[in-house]
């Protein structure tokens, strides 16, 4: 795995899907180890427990990291799992944040949305999801009288 690695710890208050996260820097580390058999998209890294400039323990005060090293692009990661092992070794398992890592490249590109899997917007064409804005009125007569006055019931449903 890469040498000359620098890890910056952040507290992220943005939603995972946001491009351009709201990050508050917690600390910066240079003595970090990659766990054996880890990969660059879902790394597990370890480092010694430490205190910040004010002498406070930096433990579970971060949920997001940035990895920088020479020769490879800077990558941003969500912290999925954090544990403290024997000897004050902190181990974190992360997953890459593609949106933040490649945000500059994505913002300079023009995209054509061809498929919308989750958000069903009538203004984006998607031939696999049948959407219609036509009114559909259905009248159903009750078999028995409802209530004691013999009046009408109007039920409106939208969806």
C-alpha atoms as a PDB file:
ATOM      1  CA  UNK A   1       0.000   0.000   0.000  1.00  0.00           C
ATOM      2  CA  UNK A   2       1.058   3.612  -0.458  1.00  0.00           C
ATOM      3  CA  UNK A   3       3.768   5.183   1.652  1.00  0.00           C
ATOM      4  CA  UNK A   4       4.027   8.847   2.697  1.00  0.00           C
ATOM      5  CA  UNK A   5       0.349   8.837   3.569  1.00  0.00           C
ATOM      6  CA  UNK A   6      -1.369  11.666   5.424  1.00  0.00           C
ATOM      7  CA  UNK A   7      -4.808  11.181   6.987  1.00  0.00           C
ATOM      8  CA  UNK A   8      -7.049  14.094   7.901  1.00  0.00           C
ATOM      9  CA  UNK A   9      -9.922  13.342  10.275  1.00  0.00           C
ATOM     10  CA  UNK A  10     -13.175  15.278   9.920  1.00  0.00           C
ATOM     11  CA  UNK A  11     -16.608  15.540  11.454  1.00  0.00           C
ATOM     12  CA  UNK A  12     -19.069  15.445   8.533  1.00  0.00           C
ATOM     13  CA  UNK A  13     -22.512  16.969   9.094  1.00  0.00           C
ATOM     14  CA  UNK A  14     -23.724  16.574   5.485  1.00  0.00           C
ATOM     15  CA  UNK A  15     -25.877  13.843   4.007  1.00  0.00           C
ATOM     16  CA  UNK A  16     -23.956  11.083   2.226  1.00  0.00           C
ATOM     17  CA  UNK A  17     -25.373  12.089  -1.171  1.00  0.00           C
ATOM     18  CA  UNK A  18     -24.219  15.719  -0.962  1.00  0.00           C
ATOM     19  CA  UNK A  19     -21.417  16.812  -3.266  1.00  0.00           C
ATOM     20  CA  UNK A  20     -19.256  19.314  -1.380  1.00  0.00           C
ATOM     21  CA  UNK A  21     -19.534  18.083   2.205  1.00  0.00           C
ATOM     22  CA  UNK A  22     -19.656  20.343   5.275  1.00  0.00           C
ATOM     23  CA  UNK A  23     -16.471  19.162   7.021  1.00  0.00           C
ATOM     24  CA  UNK A  24     -14.953  20.288  10.318  1.00  0.00           C
ATOM     25  CA  UNK A  25     -11.315  19.271  10.688  1.00  0.00           C
ATOM     26  CA  UNK A  26     -10.580  17.299  13.854  1.00  0.00           C
ATOM     27  CA  UNK A  27      -6.927  16.285  13.422  1.00  0.00           C
ATOM     28  CA  UNK A  28      -4.200  15.310  10.980  1.00  0.00           C
ATOM     29  CA  UNK A  29      -2.137  12.106  11.170  1.00  0.00           C
ATOM     30  CA  UNK A  30       1.009  10.962   9.408  1.00  0.00           C
ATOM     31  CA  UNK A  31       1.786   7.707  11.241  1.00  0.00           C
ATOM     32  CA  UNK A  32      -0.953   5.470   9.905  1.00  0.00           C
ATOM     33  CA  UNK A  33      -0.798   1.817   8.872  1.00  0.00           C
ATOM     34  CA  UNK A  34      -2.876  -0.072   6.344  1.00  0.00           C
ATOM     35  CA  UNK A  35      -4.232  -3.319   7.688  1.00  0.00           C
ATOM     36  CA  UNK A  36      -3.089  -6.372   5.746  1.00  0.00           C
ATOM     37  CA  UNK A  37      -5.265  -7.484   2.822  1.00  0.00           C
ATOM     38  CA  UNK A  38      -7.174  -4.207   2.655  1.00  0.00           C
ATOM     39  CA  UNK A  39      -8.129  -2.372  -0.520  1.00  0.00           C
ATOM     40  CA  UNK A  40      -8.191   1.257  -1.575  1.00  0.00           C
ATOM     41  CA  UNK A  41     -12.003   1.453  -1.897  1.00  0.00           C
ATOM     42  CA  UNK A  42     -12.794  -0.064   1.522  1.00  0.00           C
ATOM     43  CA  UNK A  43      -9.617   0.346   3.571  1.00  0.00           C
ATOM     44  CA  UNK A  44      -8.972  -0.573   7.167  1.00  0.00           C
ATOM     45  CA  UNK A  45      -6.315   1.593   8.772  1.00  0.00           C
ATOM     46  CA  UNK A  46      -4.811   1.714  12.250  1.00  0.00           C
ATOM     47  CA  UNK A  47      -3.114   4.420  14.273  1.00  0.00           C
ATOM     48  CA  UNK A  48      -2.193   5.149  17.893  1.00  0.00           C
ATOM     49  CA  UNK A  49      -4.672   6.883  20.176  1.00  0.00           C
ATOM     50  CA  UNK A  50      -3.725  10.540  20.512  1.00  0.00           C
ATOM     51  CA  UNK A  51      -4.808  13.919  21.833  1.00  0.00           C
ATOM     52  CA  UNK A  52      -5.424  17.106  19.877  1.00  0.00           C
ATOM     53  CA  UNK A  53      -3.687  20.473  20.419  1.00  0.00           C
ATOM     54  CA  UNK A  54      -5.931  21.183  23.428  1.00  0.00           C
ATOM     55  CA  UNK A  55      -5.099  17.855  25.086  1.00  0.00           C
ATOM     56  CA  UNK A  56      -8.499  16.232  24.406  1.00  0.00           C
ATOM     57  CA  UNK A  57      -8.665  12.571  23.436  1.00  0.00           C
ATOM     58  CA  UNK A  58      -9.559  12.188  19.774  1.00  0.00           C
ATOM     59  CA  UNK A  59     -11.734   9.120  19.987  1.00  0.00           C
ATOM     60  CA  UNK A  60     -15.046   8.874  18.162  1.00  0.00           C
ATOM     61  CA  UNK A  61     -14.958  12.608  17.411  1.00  0.00           C
ATOM     62  CA  UNK A  62     -14.759  12.025  13.678  1.00  0.00           C
ATOM     63  CA  UNK A  63     -16.857  10.189  11.086  1.00  0.00           C
ATOM     64  CA  UNK A  64     -15.078  11.052   7.859  1.00  0.00           C
ATOM     65  CA  UNK A  65     -11.475  10.964   6.620  1.00  0.00           C
ATOM     66  CA  UNK A  66      -9.352  12.186   3.740  1.00  0.00           C
ATOM     67  CA  UNK A  67      -6.332  10.173   2.586  1.00  0.00           C
ATOM     68  CA  UNK A  68      -3.524  11.954   0.759  1.00  0.00           C
ATOM     69  CA  UNK A  69      -0.378  10.337  -0.557  1.00  0.00           C
ATOM     70  CA  UNK A  70       2.159  11.088  -3.242  1.00  0.00           C
ATOM     71  CA  UNK A  71       1.512   9.636  -6.674  1.00  0.00           C
ATOM     72  CA  UNK A  72      -2.190   8.813  -6.120  1.00  0.00           C
ATOM     73  CA  UNK A  73      -5.305  11.011  -6.094  1.00  0.00           C
ATOM     74  CA  UNK A  74      -6.663  12.248  -2.773  1.00  0.00           C
ATOM     75  CA  UNK A  75      -9.653  10.199  -1.661  1.00  0.00           C
ATOM     76  CA  UNK A  76     -12.435  10.838   0.842  1.00  0.00           C
ATOM     77  CA  UNK A  77     -14.004   8.099   2.968  1.00  0.00           C
ATOM     78  CA  UNK A  78     -16.952   7.505   5.263  1.00  0.00           C
ATOM     79  CA  UNK A  79     -15.985   5.836   8.550  1.00  0.00           C
ATOM     80  CA  UNK A  80     -18.175   2.733   8.878  1.00  0.00           C
ATOM     81  CA  UNK A  81     -16.618   1.038  11.890  1.00  0.00           C
ATOM     82  CA  UNK A  82     -14.284   2.201  14.635  1.00  0.00           C
ATOM     83  CA  UNK A  83     -12.751   0.232  17.486  1.00  0.00           C
ATOM     84  CA  UNK A  84      -9.977   0.599  20.023  1.00  0.00           C
ATOM     85  CA  UNK A  85      -7.678  -2.395  20.299  1.00  0.00           C
ATOM     86  CA  UNK A  86      -5.050  -3.344  22.857  1.00  0.00           C
ATOM     87  CA  UNK A  87      -2.286  -0.842  23.406  1.00  0.00           C
ATOM     88  CA  UNK A  88      -4.434   2.149  22.404  1.00  0.00           C
ATOM     89  CA  UNK A  89      -4.473   1.236  18.712  1.00  0.00           C
ATOM     90  CA  UNK A  90      -7.506   2.662  16.913  1.00  0.00           C
ATOM     91  CA  UNK A  91      -8.773   0.691  13.931  1.00  0.00           C
ATOM     92  CA  UNK A  92     -11.218   2.189  11.457  1.00  0.00           C
ATOM     93  CA  UNK A  93     -12.913   0.610   8.460  1.00  0.00           C
ATOM     94  CA  UNK A  94     -13.975   3.001   5.713  1.00  0.00           C
ATOM     95  CA  UNK A  95     -15.673   3.125   2.330  1.00  0.00           C
ATOM     96  CA  UNK A  96     -14.846   5.559  -0.419  1.00  0.00           C
ATOM     97  CA  UNK A  97     -17.058   8.606  -0.986  1.00  0.00           C
ATOM     98  CA  UNK A  98     -17.085   8.750  -4.773  1.00  0.00           C
ATOM     99  CA  UNK A  99     -19.074  11.989  -4.919  1.00  0.00           C
ATOM    100  CA  UNK A 100     -16.640  13.944  -2.757  1.00  0.00           C
ATOM    101  CA  UNK A 101     -13.518  12.328  -4.221  1.00  0.00           C
ATOM    102  CA  UNK A 102     -14.417  13.165  -7.822  1.00  0.00           C
ATOM    103  CA  UNK A 103     -16.547  16.284  -7.201  1.00  0.00           C
ATOM    104  CA  UNK A 104     -14.361  18.631  -9.285  1.00  0.00           C
ATOM    105  CA  UNK A 105     -14.442  16.298 -12.287  1.00  0.00           C
ATOM    106  CA  UNK A 106     -18.208  15.720 -11.939  1.00  0.00           C
ATOM    107  CA  UNK A 107     -19.023  19.419 -11.790  1.00  0.00           C
ATOM    108  CA  UNK A 108     -17.205  20.104 -15.053  1.00  0.00           C
ATOM    109  CA  UNK A 109     -19.124  17.382 -16.921  1.00  0.00           C
ATOM    110  CA  UNK A 110     -22.586  17.478 -18.459  1.00  0.00           C
ATOM    111  CA  UNK A 111     -24.750  14.458 -17.756  1.00  0.00           C
ATOM    112  CA  UNK A 112     -27.841  13.100 -19.418  1.00  0.00           C
ATOM    113  CA  UNK A 113     -30.019  11.200 -16.975  1.00  0.00           C
ATOM    114  CA  UNK A 114     -31.292   8.119 -18.776  1.00  0.00           C
ATOM    115  CA  UNK A 115     -32.644   6.206 -15.796  1.00  0.00           C
ATOM    116  CA  UNK A 116     -34.109   7.226 -12.449  1.00  0.00           C
ATOM    117  CA  UNK A 117     -34.297   4.271 -10.114  1.00  0.00           C
ATOM    118  CA  UNK A 118     -35.474   5.816  -6.853  1.00  0.00           C
ATOM    119  CA  UNK A 119     -36.975   9.263  -7.411  1.00  0.00           C
ATOM    120  CA  UNK A 120     -39.914   9.102  -9.763  1.00  0.00           C
ATOM    121  CA  UNK A 121     -40.065  12.473 -11.476  1.00  0.00           C
ATOM    122  CA  UNK A 122     -42.604  12.805 -14.284  1.00  0.00           C
ATOM    123  CA  UNK A 123     -40.350  15.275 -16.088  1.00  0.00           C
ATOM    124  CA  UNK A 124     -37.462  12.811 -16.487  1.00  0.00           C
ATOM    125  CA  UNK A 125     -38.258  10.183 -19.080  1.00  0.00           C
ATOM    126  CA  UNK A 126     -37.938   6.615 -17.860  1.00  0.00           C
ATOM    127  CA  UNK A 127     -39.574   3.983 -20.059  1.00  0.00           C
ATOM    128  CA  UNK A 128     -39.326   1.301 -17.358  1.00  0.00           C
ATOM    129  CA  UNK A 129     -41.571   3.166 -14.916  1.00  0.00           C
ATOM    130  CA  UNK A 130     -45.062   3.878 -16.154  1.00  0.00           C
ATOM    131  CA  UNK A 131     -46.177   7.286 -14.926  1.00  0.00           C
ATOM    132  CA  UNK A 132     -49.280   9.130 -15.929  1.00  0.00           C
ATOM    133  CA  UNK A 133     -50.799  12.453 -15.032  1.00  0.00           C
ATOM    134  CA  UNK A 134     -54.257  11.617 -16.440  1.00  0.00           C
ATOM    135  CA  UNK A 135     -57.236  11.952 -14.119  1.00  0.00           C
ATOM    136  CA  UNK A 136     -58.878   8.709 -13.219  1.00  0.00           C
ATOM    137  CA  UNK A 137     -62.350   8.872 -11.692  1.00  0.00           C
ATOM    138  CA  UNK A 138     -64.028   5.772 -10.394  1.00  0.00           C
ATOM    139  CA  UNK A 139     -67.507   5.665  -8.851  1.00  0.00           C
ATOM    140  CA  UNK A 140     -68.461   2.781  -6.584  1.00  0.00           C
ATOM    141  CA  UNK A 141     -71.973   2.364  -5.155  1.00  0.00           C
ATOM    142  CA  UNK A 142     -72.267   0.893  -1.671  1.00  0.00           C
ATOM    143  CA  UNK A 143     -74.304  -2.314  -1.435  1.00  0.00           C
ATOM    144  CA  UNK A 144     -75.785  -1.215   1.881  1.00  0.00           C
ATOM    145  CA  UNK A 145     -76.705   2.183   3.248  1.00  0.00           C
ATOM    146  CA  UNK A 146     -73.845   3.880   5.074  1.00  0.00           C
ATOM    147  CA  UNK A 147     -74.833   5.885   8.119  1.00  0.00           C
ATOM    148  CA  UNK A 148     -78.386   6.724   9.159  1.00  0.00           C
ATOM    149  CA  UNK A 149     -79.089   9.865   7.128  1.00  0.00           C
ATOM    150  CA  UNK A 150     -78.772   8.355   3.656  1.00  0.00           C
ATOM    151  CA  UNK A 151     -76.317  11.106   2.580  1.00  0.00           C
ATOM    152  CA  UNK A 152     -73.324  10.832   0.247  1.00  0.00           C
ATOM    153  CA  UNK A 153     -69.686  10.029   0.958  1.00  0.00           C
ATOM    154  CA  UNK A 154     -66.904  11.469  -1.148  1.00  0.00           C
ATOM    155  CA  UNK A 155     -63.488   9.843  -0.918  1.00  0.00           C
ATOM    156  CA  UNK A 156     -60.503  11.438  -2.604  1.00  0.00           C
ATOM    157  CA  UNK A 157     -57.208   9.613  -2.955  1.00  0.00           C
ATOM    158  CA  UNK A 158     -54.070  10.882  -4.565  1.00  0.00           C
ATOM    159  CA  UNK A 159     -50.931   8.902  -5.175  1.00  0.00           C
END
